[in-house]
mmCIF file of all heavy atoms, coordinates in Angstrom:
data_MODEL
# 
_entry.id   MODEL 
# 
loop_
_atom_site.group_PDB 
_atom_site.id 
_atom_site.type_symbol 
_atom_site.label_atom_id 
_atom_site.label_alt_id 
_atom_site.label_comp_id 
_atom_site.label_asym_id 
_atom_site.label_entity_id 
_atom_site.label_seq_id 
_atom_site.pdbx_PDB_ins_code 
_atom_site.Cartn_x 
_atom_site.Cartn_y 
_atom_site.Cartn_z 
_atom_site.occupancy 
_atom_site.B_iso_or_equiv 
_atom_site.pdbx_formal_charge 
_atom_site.auth_seq_id 
_atom_site.auth_comp_id 
_atom_site.auth_asym_id 
_atom_site.auth_atom_id 
_atom_site.pdbx_PDB_model_num 
ATOM 1   N N   . ALA A 1 1  ? 100.675 28.531 42.152 1.00 0.00 ? 1  ALA A N   1 
ATOM 2   C CA  . ALA A 1 1  ? 100.322 27.211 42.676 1.00 0.00 ? 1  ALA A CA  1 
ATOM 3   C C   . ALA A 1 1  ? 98.817  27.038 42.703 1.00 0.00 ? 1  ALA A C   1 
ATOM 4   O O   . ALA A 1 1  ? 98.056  28.004 42.683 1.00 0.00 ? 1  ALA A O   1 
ATOM 5   C CB  . ALA A 1 1  ? 100.917 27.029 44.068 1.00 0.00 ? 1  ALA A CB  1 
ATOM 6   N N   . ARG A 1 2  ? 98.385  25.787 42.760 1.00 0.00 ? 2  ARG A N   1 
ATOM 7   C CA  . ARG A 1 2  ? 96.956  25.480 42.869 1.00 0.00 ? 2  ARG A CA  1 
ATOM 8   C C   . ARG A 1 2  ? 96.773  24.413 43.932 1.00 0.00 ? 2  ARG A C   1 
ATOM 9   O O   . ARG A 1 2  ? 97.732  23.729 44.317 1.00 0.00 ? 2  ARG A O   1 
ATOM 10  C CB  . ARG A 1 2  ? 96.379  25.050 41.520 1.00 0.00 ? 2  ARG A CB  1 
ATOM 11  C CG  . ARG A 1 2  ? 96.847  23.736 40.923 1.00 0.00 ? 2  ARG A CG  1 
ATOM 12  C CD  . ARG A 1 2  ? 98.227  23.745 40.309 1.00 0.00 ? 2  ARG A CD  1 
ATOM 13  N NE  . ARG A 1 2  ? 98.451  24.781 39.311 1.00 0.00 ? 2  ARG A NE  1 
ATOM 14  C CZ  . ARG A 1 2  ? 98.219  24.632 38.018 1.00 0.00 ? 2  ARG A CZ  1 
ATOM 15  N NH1 . ARG A 1 2  ? 97.757  23.484 37.560 1.00 0.00 ? 2  ARG A NH1 1 
ATOM 16  N NH2 . ARG A 1 2  ? 98.501  25.602 37.178 1.00 0.00 ? 2  ARG A NH2 1 
ATOM 17  N N   . MET A 1 3  ? 95.546  24.262 44.413 1.00 0.00 ? 3  MET A N   1 
ATOM 18  C CA  . MET A 1 3  ? 95.252  23.311 45.476 1.00 0.00 ? 3  MET A CA  1 
ATOM 19  C C   . MET A 1 3  ? 94.485  22.118 44.928 1.00 0.00 ? 3  MET A C   1 
ATOM 20  O O   . MET A 1 3  ? 93.744  22.249 43.949 1.00 0.00 ? 3  MET A O   1 
ATOM 21  C CB  . MET A 1 3  ? 94.420  23.978 46.583 1.00 0.00 ? 3  MET A CB  1 
ATOM 22  C CG  . MET A 1 3  ? 95.150  25.048 47.357 1.00 0.00 ? 3  MET A CG  1 
ATOM 23  S SD  . MET A 1 3  ? 94.106  25.750 48.662 1.00 0.00 ? 3  MET A SD  1 
ATOM 24  C CE  . MET A 1 3  ? 92.823  26.542 47.686 1.00 0.00 ? 3  MET A CE  1 
ATOM 25  N N   . SER A 1 4  ? 94.629  20.992 45.587 1.00 0.00 ? 4  SER A N   1 
ATOM 26  C CA  . SER A 1 4  ? 93.816  19.830 45.264 1.00 0.00 ? 4  SER A CA  1 
ATOM 27  C C   . SER A 1 4  ? 92.554  19.862 46.111 1.00 0.00 ? 4  SER A C   1 
ATOM 28  O O   . SER A 1 4  ? 92.519  20.502 47.167 1.00 0.00 ? 4  SER A O   1 
ATOM 29  C CB  . SER A 1 4  ? 94.591  18.537 45.531 1.00 0.00 ? 4  SER A CB  1 
ATOM 30  O OG  . SER A 1 4  ? 94.868  18.414 46.918 1.00 0.00 ? 4  SER A OG  1 
ATOM 31  N N   . ALA A 1 5  ? 91.526  19.177 45.661 1.00 0.00 ? 5  ALA A N   1 
ATOM 32  C CA  . ALA A 1 5  ? 90.240  19.213 46.359 1.00 0.00 ? 5  ALA A CA  1 
ATOM 33  C C   . ALA A 1 5  ? 90.314  18.606 47.751 1.00 0.00 ? 5  ALA A C   1 
ATOM 34  O O   . ALA A 1 5  ? 89.517  18.963 48.624 1.00 0.00 ? 5  ALA A O   1 
ATOM 35  C CB  . ALA A 1 5  ? 89.176  18.495 45.531 1.00 0.00 ? 5  ALA A CB  1 
ATOM 36  N N   . ASP A 1 6  ? 91.268  17.693 47.990 1.00 0.00 ? 6  ASP A N   1 
ATOM 37  C CA  . ASP A 1 6  ? 91.349  17.051 49.298 1.00 0.00 ? 6  ASP A CA  1 
ATOM 38  C C   . ASP A 1 6  ? 92.340  17.736 50.235 1.00 0.00 ? 6  ASP A C   1 
ATOM 39  O O   . ASP A 1 6  ? 92.655  17.226 51.308 1.00 0.00 ? 6  ASP A O   1 
ATOM 40  C CB  . ASP A 1 6  ? 91.722  15.571 49.151 1.00 0.00 ? 6  ASP A CB  1 
ATOM 41  C CG  . ASP A 1 6  ? 93.050  15.374 48.419 1.00 0.00 ? 6  ASP A CG  1 
ATOM 42  O OD1 . ASP A 1 6  ? 93.646  16.377 47.985 1.00 0.00 ? 6  ASP A OD1 1 
ATOM 43  O OD2 . ASP A 1 6  ? 93.464  14.203 48.286 1.00 0.00 ? 6  ASP A OD2 1 
ATOM 44  N N   . ALA A 1 7  ? 92.830  18.933 49.877 1.00 0.00 ? 7  ALA A N   1 
ATOM 45  C CA  . ALA A 1 7  ? 93.719  19.681 50.775 1.00 0.00 ? 7  ALA A CA  1 
ATOM 46  C C   . ALA A 1 7  ? 92.970  20.025 52.062 1.00 0.00 ? 7  ALA A C   1 
ATOM 47  O O   . ALA A 1 7  ? 91.809  20.449 52.031 1.00 0.00 ? 7  ALA A O   1 
ATOM 48  C CB  . ALA A 1 7  ? 94.200  20.955 50.084 1.00 0.00 ? 7  ALA A CB  1 
ATOM 49  N N   . SER A 1 8  ? 93.600  19.840 53.196 1.00 0.00 ? 8  SER A N   1 
ATOM 50  C CA  . SER A 1 8  ? 92.957  20.075 54.488 1.00 0.00 ? 8  SER A CA  1 
ATOM 51  C C   . SER A 1 8  ? 92.808  21.578 54.754 1.00 0.00 ? 8  SER A C   1 
ATOM 52  O O   . SER A 1 8  ? 93.430  22.412 54.097 1.00 0.00 ? 8  SER A O   1 
ATOM 53  C CB  . SER A 1 8  ? 93.780  19.450 55.608 1.00 0.00 ? 8  SER A CB  1 
ATOM 54  O OG  . SER A 1 8  ? 95.010  20.133 55.756 1.00 0.00 ? 8  SER A OG  1 
ATOM 55  N N   . LEU A 1 9  ? 91.985  21.897 55.758 1.00 0.00 ? 9  LEU A N   1 
ATOM 56  C CA  . LEU A 1 9  ? 91.779  23.295 56.123 1.00 0.00 ? 9  LEU A CA  1 
ATOM 57  C C   . LEU A 1 9  ? 93.096  23.954 56.520 1.00 0.00 ? 9  LEU A C   1 
ATOM 58  O O   . LEU A 1 9  ? 93.358  25.105 56.146 1.00 0.00 ? 9  LEU A O   1 
ATOM 59  C CB  . LEU A 1 9  ? 90.770  23.383 57.271 1.00 0.00 ? 9  LEU A CB  1 
ATOM 60  C CG  . LEU A 1 9  ? 90.445  24.784 57.797 1.00 0.00 ? 9  LEU A CG  1 
ATOM 61  C CD1 . LEU A 1 9  ? 89.864  25.663 56.702 1.00 0.00 ? 9  LEU A CD1 1 
ATOM 62  C CD2 . LEU A 1 9  ? 89.480  24.695 58.976 1.00 0.00 ? 9  LEU A CD2 1 
ATOM 63  N N   . ALA A 1 10 ? 93.940  23.233 57.250 1.00 0.00 ? 10 ALA A N   1 
ATOM 64  C CA  . ALA A 1 10 ? 95.239  23.787 57.644 1.00 0.00 ? 10 ALA A CA  1 
ATOM 65  C C   . ALA A 1 10 ? 96.094  24.071 56.423 1.00 0.00 ? 10 ALA A C   1 
ATOM 66  O O   . ALA A 1 10 ? 96.776  25.105 56.348 1.00 0.00 ? 10 ALA A O   1 
ATOM 67  C CB  . ALA A 1 10 ? 95.948  22.818 58.587 1.00 0.00 ? 10 ALA A CB  1 
ATOM 68  N N   . GLU A 1 11 ? 96.078  23.173 55.437 1.00 0.00 ? 11 GLU A N   1 
ATOM 69  C CA  . GLU A 1 11 ? 96.859  23.376 54.216 1.00 0.00 ? 11 GLU A CA  1 
ATOM 70  C C   . GLU A 1 11 ? 96.323  24.566 53.424 1.00 0.00 ? 11 GLU A C   1 
ATOM 71  O O   . GLU A 1 11 ? 97.094  25.350 52.864 1.00 0.00 ? 11 GLU A O   1 
ATOM 72  C CB  . GLU A 1 11 ? 96.829  22.112 53.357 1.00 0.00 ? 11 GLU A CB  1 
ATOM 73  C CG  . GLU A 1 11 ? 97.582  20.935 53.962 1.00 0.00 ? 11 GLU A CG  1 
ATOM 74  C CD  . GLU A 1 11 ? 97.367  19.642 53.185 1.00 0.00 ? 11 GLU A CD  1 
ATOM 75  O OE1 . GLU A 1 11 ? 96.239  19.426 52.672 1.00 0.00 ? 11 GLU A OE1 1 
ATOM 76  O OE2 . GLU A 1 11 ? 98.323  18.854 53.104 1.00 0.00 ? 11 GLU A OE2 1 
ATOM 77  N N   . VAL A 1 12 ? 95.006  24.706 53.376 1.00 0.00 ? 12 VAL A N   1 
ATOM 78  C CA  . VAL A 1 12 ? 94.393  25.835 52.671 1.00 0.00 ? 12 VAL A CA  1 
ATOM 79  C C   . VAL A 1 12 ? 94.798  27.148 53.332 1.00 0.00 ? 12 VAL A C   1 
ATOM 80  O O   . VAL A 1 12 ? 95.157  28.127 52.662 1.00 0.00 ? 12 VAL A O   1 
ATOM 81  C CB  . VAL A 1 12 ? 92.858  25.698 52.644 1.00 0.00 ? 12 VAL A CB  1 
ATOM 82  C CG1 . VAL A 1 12 ? 92.211  26.955 52.066 1.00 0.00 ? 12 VAL A CG1 1 
ATOM 83  C CG2 . VAL A 1 12 ? 92.437  24.480 51.825 1.00 0.00 ? 12 VAL A CG2 1 
ATOM 84  N N   . THR A 1 13 ? 94.766  27.173 54.656 1.00 0.00 ? 13 THR A N   1 
ATOM 85  C CA  . THR A 1 13 ? 95.125  28.388 55.395 1.00 0.00 ? 13 THR A CA  1 
ATOM 86  C C   . THR A 1 13 ? 96.573  28.781 55.119 1.00 0.00 ? 13 THR A C   1 
ATOM 87  O O   . THR A 1 13 ? 96.875  29.951 54.858 1.00 0.00 ? 13 THR A O   1 
ATOM 88  C CB  . THR A 1 13 ? 94.914  28.170 56.899 1.00 0.00 ? 13 THR A CB  1 
ATOM 89  O OG1 . THR A 1 13 ? 93.570  27.738 57.140 1.00 0.00 ? 13 THR A OG1 1 
ATOM 90  C CG2 . THR A 1 13 ? 95.149  29.452 57.664 1.00 0.00 ? 13 THR A CG2 1 
ATOM 91  N N   . ARG A 1 14 ? 97.482  27.815 55.162 1.00 0.00 ? 14 ARG A N   1 
ATOM 92  C CA  . ARG A 1 14 ? 98.893  28.102 54.885 1.00 0.00 ? 14 ARG A CA  1 
ATOM 93  C C   . ARG A 1 14 ? 99.084  28.567 53.444 1.00 0.00 ? 14 ARG A C   1 
ATOM 94  O O   . ARG A 1 14 ? 99.910  29.440 53.165 1.00 0.00 ? 14 ARG A O   1 
ATOM 95  C CB  . ARG A 1 14 ? 99.739  26.861 55.165 1.00 0.00 ? 14 ARG A CB  1 
ATOM 96  C CG  . ARG A 1 14 ? 99.884  26.548 56.655 1.00 0.00 ? 14 ARG A CG  1 
ATOM 97  C CD  . ARG A 1 14 ? 101.007 25.557 56.896 1.00 0.00 ? 14 ARG A CD  1 
ATOM 98  N NE  . ARG A 1 14 ? 100.713 24.241 56.304 1.00 0.00 ? 14 ARG A NE  1 
ATOM 99  C CZ  . ARG A 1 14 ? 100.108 23.265 56.936 1.00 0.00 ? 14 ARG A CZ  1 
ATOM 100 N NH1 . ARG A 1 14 ? 99.693  23.439 58.200 1.00 0.00 ? 14 ARG A NH1 1 
ATOM 101 N NH2 . ARG A 1 14 ? 99.891  22.098 56.346 1.00 0.00 ? 14 ARG A NH2 1 
ATOM 102 N N   . PHE A 1 15 ? 98.306  27.984 52.516 1.00 0.00 ? 15 PHE A N   1 
ATOM 103 C CA  . PHE A 1 15 ? 98.384  28.364 51.106 1.00 0.00 ? 15 PHE A CA  1 
ATOM 104 C C   . PHE A 1 15 ? 98.039  29.844 50.942 1.00 0.00 ? 15 PHE A C   1 
ATOM 105 O O   . PHE A 1 15 ? 98.754  30.590 50.253 1.00 0.00 ? 15 PHE A O   1 
ATOM 106 C CB  . PHE A 1 15 ? 97.432  27.486 50.293 1.00 0.00 ? 15 PHE A CB  1 
ATOM 107 C CG  . PHE A 1 15 ? 97.511  27.677 48.806 1.00 0.00 ? 15 PHE A CG  1 
ATOM 108 C CD1 . PHE A 1 15 ? 98.324  26.872 48.028 1.00 0.00 ? 15 PHE A CD1 1 
ATOM 109 C CD2 . PHE A 1 15 ? 96.763  28.662 48.170 1.00 0.00 ? 15 PHE A CD2 1 
ATOM 110 C CE1 . PHE A 1 15 ? 98.400  27.041 46.647 1.00 0.00 ? 15 PHE A CE1 1 
ATOM 111 C CE2 . PHE A 1 15 ? 96.826  28.840 46.801 1.00 0.00 ? 15 PHE A CE2 1 
ATOM 112 C CZ  . PHE A 1 15 ? 97.642  28.025 46.038 1.00 0.00 ? 15 PHE A CZ  1 
ATOM 113 N N   . PHE A 1 16 ? 96.938  30.277 51.558 1.00 0.00 ? 16 PHE A N   1 
ATOM 114 C CA  . PHE A 1 16 ? 96.517  31.676 51.447 1.00 0.00 ? 16 PHE A CA  1 
ATOM 115 C C   . PHE A 1 16 ? 97.548  32.608 52.073 1.00 0.00 ? 16 PHE A C   1 
ATOM 116 O O   . PHE A 1 16 ? 97.839  33.683 51.537 1.00 0.00 ? 16 PHE A O   1 
ATOM 117 C CB  . PHE A 1 16 ? 95.149  31.868 52.114 1.00 0.00 ? 16 PHE A CB  1 
ATOM 118 C CG  . PHE A 1 16 ? 93.994  31.626 51.194 1.00 0.00 ? 16 PHE A CG  1 
ATOM 119 C CD1 . PHE A 1 16 ? 93.610  30.343 50.852 1.00 0.00 ? 16 PHE A CD1 1 
ATOM 120 C CD2 . PHE A 1 16 ? 93.280  32.678 50.658 1.00 0.00 ? 16 PHE A CD2 1 
ATOM 121 C CE1 . PHE A 1 16 ? 92.551  30.108 50.000 1.00 0.00 ? 16 PHE A CE1 1 
ATOM 122 C CE2 . PHE A 1 16 ? 92.218  32.469 49.795 1.00 0.00 ? 16 PHE A CE2 1 
ATOM 123 C CZ  . PHE A 1 16 ? 91.853  31.173 49.465 1.00 0.00 ? 16 PHE A CZ  1 
ATOM 124 N N   . ALA A 1 17 ? 98.096  32.207 53.218 1.00 0.00 ? 17 ALA A N   1 
ATOM 125 C CA  . ALA A 1 17 ? 99.082  33.051 53.887 1.00 0.00 ? 17 ALA A CA  1 
ATOM 126 C C   . ALA A 1 17 ? 100.382 33.130 53.088 1.00 0.00 ? 17 ALA A C   1 
ATOM 127 O O   . ALA A 1 17 ? 100.993 34.201 52.970 1.00 0.00 ? 17 ALA A O   1 
ATOM 128 C CB  . ALA A 1 17 ? 99.362  32.509 55.289 1.00 0.00 ? 17 ALA A CB  1 
ATOM 129 N N   . ALA A 1 18 ? 100.804 32.007 52.508 1.00 0.00 ? 18 ALA A N   1 
ATOM 130 C CA  . ALA A 1 18 ? 102.078 31.969 51.786 1.00 0.00 ? 18 ALA A CA  1 
ATOM 131 C C   . ALA A 1 18 ? 102.045 32.812 50.520 1.00 0.00 ? 18 ALA A C   1 
ATOM 132 O O   . ALA A 1 18 ? 103.034 33.470 50.166 1.00 0.00 ? 18 ALA A O   1 
ATOM 133 C CB  . ALA A 1 18 ? 102.438 30.520 51.445 1.00 0.00 ? 18 ALA A CB  1 
ATOM 134 N N   . TYR A 1 19 ? 100.894 32.836 49.832 1.00 0.00 ? 19 TYR A N   1 
ATOM 135 C CA  . TYR A 1 19 ? 100.820 33.525 48.547 1.00 0.00 ? 19 TYR A CA  1 
ATOM 136 C C   . TYR A 1 19 ? 100.035 34.839 48.611 1.00 0.00 ? 19 TYR A C   1 
ATOM 137 O O   . TYR A 1 19 ? 99.787  35.459 47.573 1.00 0.00 ? 19 TYR A O   1 
ATOM 138 C CB  . TYR A 1 19 ? 100.199 32.602 47.494 1.00 0.00 ? 19 TYR A CB  1 
ATOM 139 C CG  . TYR A 1 19 ? 101.063 31.395 47.195 1.00 0.00 ? 19 TYR A CG  1 
ATOM 140 C CD1 . TYR A 1 19 ? 100.746 30.150 47.736 1.00 0.00 ? 19 TYR A CD1 1 
ATOM 141 C CD2 . TYR A 1 19 ? 102.206 31.502 46.409 1.00 0.00 ? 19 TYR A CD2 1 
ATOM 142 C CE1 . TYR A 1 19 ? 101.540 29.031 47.482 1.00 0.00 ? 19 TYR A CE1 1 
ATOM 143 C CE2 . TYR A 1 19 ? 103.006 30.400 46.146 1.00 0.00 ? 19 TYR A CE2 1 
ATOM 144 C CZ  . TYR A 1 19 ? 102.668 29.169 46.695 1.00 0.00 ? 19 TYR A CZ  1 
ATOM 145 O OH  . TYR A 1 19 ? 103.457 28.072 46.447 1.00 0.00 ? 19 TYR A OH  1 
ATOM 146 N N   . ASN A 1 20 ? 99.643  35.267 49.818 1.00 0.00 ? 20 ASN A N   1 
ATOM 147 C CA  . ASN A 1 20 ? 98.933  36.545 50.000 1.00 0.00 ? 20 ASN A CA  1 
ATOM 148 C C   . ASN A 1 20 ? 97.696  36.643 49.106 1.00 0.00 ? 20 ASN A C   1 
ATOM 149 O O   . ASN A 1 20 ? 97.503  37.624 48.372 1.00 0.00 ? 20 ASN A O   1 
ATOM 150 C CB  . ASN A 1 20 ? 99.865  37.725 49.716 1.00 0.00 ? 20 ASN A CB  1 
ATOM 151 C CG  . ASN A 1 20 ? 101.026 37.783 50.681 1.00 0.00 ? 20 ASN A CG  1 
ATOM 152 O OD1 . ASN A 1 20 ? 100.852 37.561 51.884 1.00 0.00 ? 20 ASN A OD1 1 
ATOM 153 N ND2 . ASN A 1 20 ? 102.211 38.059 50.177 1.00 0.00 ? 20 ASN A ND2 1 
ATOM 154 N N   . LEU A 1 21 ? 96.851  35.604 49.145 1.00 0.00 ? 21 LEU A N   1 
ATOM 155 C CA  . LEU A 1 21 ? 95.690  35.530 48.263 1.00 0.00 ? 21 LEU A CA  1 
ATOM 156 C C   . LEU A 1 21 ? 94.393  35.782 49.006 1.00 0.00 ? 21 LEU A C   1 
ATOM 157 O O   . LEU A 1 21 ? 94.308  35.619 50.228 1.00 0.00 ? 21 LEU A O   1 
ATOM 158 C CB  . LEU A 1 21 ? 95.632  34.147 47.606 1.00 0.00 ? 21 LEU A CB  1 
ATOM 159 C CG  . LEU A 1 21 ? 96.791  33.767 46.685 1.00 0.00 ? 21 LEU A CG  1 
ATOM 160 C CD1 . LEU A 1 21 ? 96.666  32.306 46.271 1.00 0.00 ? 21 LEU A CD1 1 
ATOM 161 C CD2 . LEU A 1 21 ? 96.820  34.673 45.463 1.00 0.00 ? 21 LEU A CD2 1 
ATOM 162 N N   . VAL A 1 22 ? 93.367  36.176 48.261 1.00 0.00 ? 22 VAL A N   1 
ATOM 163 C CA  . VAL A 1 22 ? 92.003  36.198 48.783 1.00 0.00 ? 22 VAL A CA  1 
ATOM 164 C C   . VAL A 1 22 ? 91.123  35.228 47.997 1.00 0.00 ? 22 VAL A C   1 
ATOM 165 O O   . VAL A 1 22 ? 89.955  35.037 48.316 1.00 0.00 ? 22 VAL A O   1 
ATOM 166 C CB  . VAL A 1 22 ? 91.390  37.612 48.749 1.00 0.00 ? 22 VAL A CB  1 
ATOM 167 C CG1 . VAL A 1 22 ? 92.116  38.535 49.710 1.00 0.00 ? 22 VAL A CG1 1 
ATOM 168 C CG2 . VAL A 1 22 ? 91.401  38.184 47.338 1.00 0.00 ? 22 VAL A CG2 1 
ATOM 169 N N   . CYS A 1 23 ? 91.680  34.623 46.954 1.00 0.00 ? 23 CYS A N   1 
ATOM 170 C CA  . CYS A 1 23 ? 90.960  33.653 46.133 1.00 0.00 ? 23 CYS A CA  1 
ATOM 171 C C   . CYS A 1 23 ? 91.995  32.722 45.510 1.00 0.00 ? 23 CYS A C   1 
ATOM 172 O O   . CYS A 1 23 ? 93.078  33.177 45.109 1.00 0.00 ? 23 CYS A O   1 
ATOM 173 C CB  . CYS A 1 23 ? 90.156  34.370 45.050 1.00 0.00 ? 23 CYS A CB  1 
ATOM 174 S SG  . CYS A 1 23 ? 89.154  33.298 43.980 1.00 0.00 ? 23 CYS A SG  1 
ATOM 175 N N   . ALA A 1 24 ? 91.694  31.415 45.457 1.00 0.00 ? 24 ALA A N   1 
ATOM 176 C CA  . ALA A 1 24 ? 92.683  30.456 44.953 1.00 0.00 ? 24 ALA A CA  1 
ATOM 177 C C   . ALA A 1 24 ? 91.988  29.322 44.206 1.00 0.00 ? 24 ALA A C   1 
ATOM 178 O O   . ALA A 1 24 ? 90.882  28.905 44.576 1.00 0.00 ? 24 ALA A O   1 
ATOM 179 C CB  . ALA A 1 24 ? 93.508  29.890 46.105 1.00 0.00 ? 24 ALA A CB  1 
ATOM 180 N N   . PRO A 1 25 ? 92.639  28.786 43.147 1.00 0.00 ? 25 PRO A N   1 
ATOM 181 C CA  . PRO A 1 25 ? 92.021  27.725 42.338 1.00 0.00 ? 25 PRO A CA  1 
ATOM 182 C C   . PRO A 1 25 ? 92.121  26.352 42.987 1.00 0.00 ? 25 PRO A C   1 
ATOM 183 O O   . PRO A 1 25 ? 93.088  26.044 43.684 1.00 0.00 ? 25 PRO A O   1 
ATOM 184 C CB  . PRO A 1 25 ? 92.840  27.770 41.046 1.00 0.00 ? 25 PRO A CB  1 
ATOM 185 C CG  . PRO A 1 25 ? 94.191  28.244 41.493 1.00 0.00 ? 25 PRO A CG  1 
ATOM 186 C CD  . PRO A 1 25 ? 93.947  29.206 42.613 1.00 0.00 ? 25 PRO A CD  1 
ATOM 187 N N   . VAL A 1 26 ? 91.102  25.529 42.728 1.00 0.00 ? 26 VAL A N   1 
ATOM 188 C CA  . VAL A 1 26 ? 91.107  24.122 43.137 1.00 0.00 ? 26 VAL A CA  1 
ATOM 189 C C   . VAL A 1 26 ? 91.069  23.291 41.857 1.00 0.00 ? 26 VAL A C   1 
ATOM 190 O O   . VAL A 1 26 ? 90.138  23.426 41.052 1.00 0.00 ? 26 VAL A O   1 
ATOM 191 C CB  . VAL A 1 26 ? 89.905  23.785 44.033 1.00 0.00 ? 26 VAL A CB  1 
ATOM 192 C CG1 . VAL A 1 26 ? 89.936  22.310 44.433 1.00 0.00 ? 26 VAL A CG1 1 
ATOM 193 C CG2 . VAL A 1 26 ? 89.896  24.672 45.271 1.00 0.00 ? 26 VAL A CG2 1 
ATOM 194 N N   . VAL A 1 27 ? 92.090  22.445 41.668 1.00 0.00 ? 27 VAL A N   1 
ATOM 195 C CA  . VAL A 1 27 ? 92.271  21.713 40.406 1.00 0.00 ? 27 VAL A CA  1 
ATOM 196 C C   . VAL A 1 27 ? 92.406  20.228 40.701 1.00 0.00 ? 27 VAL A C   1 
ATOM 197 O O   . VAL A 1 27 ? 92.994  19.836 41.707 1.00 0.00 ? 27 VAL A O   1 
ATOM 198 C CB  . VAL A 1 27 ? 93.530  22.236 39.673 1.00 0.00 ? 27 VAL A CB  1 
ATOM 199 C CG1 . VAL A 1 27 ? 93.750  21.506 38.357 1.00 0.00 ? 27 VAL A CG1 1 
ATOM 200 C CG2 . VAL A 1 27 ? 93.418  23.740 39.425 1.00 0.00 ? 27 VAL A CG2 1 
ATOM 201 N N   . ASP A 1 28 ? 91.839  19.381 39.808 1.00 0.00 ? 28 ASP A N   1 
ATOM 202 C CA  . ASP A 1 28 ? 91.960  17.934 40.020 1.00 0.00 ? 28 ASP A CA  1 
ATOM 203 C C   . ASP A 1 28 ? 93.235  17.397 39.376 1.00 0.00 ? 28 ASP A C   1 
ATOM 204 O O   . ASP A 1 28 ? 94.028  18.146 38.795 1.00 0.00 ? 28 ASP A O   1 
ATOM 205 C CB  . ASP A 1 28 ? 90.713  17.198 39.508 1.00 0.00 ? 28 ASP A CB  1 
ATOM 206 C CG  . ASP A 1 28 ? 90.538  17.298 37.992 1.00 0.00 ? 28 ASP A CG  1 
ATOM 207 O OD1 . ASP A 1 28 ? 91.505  17.678 37.289 1.00 0.00 ? 28 ASP A OD1 1 
ATOM 208 O OD2 . ASP A 1 28 ? 89.432  16.976 37.506 1.00 0.00 ? 28 ASP A OD2 1 
# 
């Protein structure tokens, strides 16, 4: 999965926790 630039801090936090990441892409 990838994140959009307007994803909120809460959404970013859940994204990292869900996919066990330390780095994630931001795509338009």
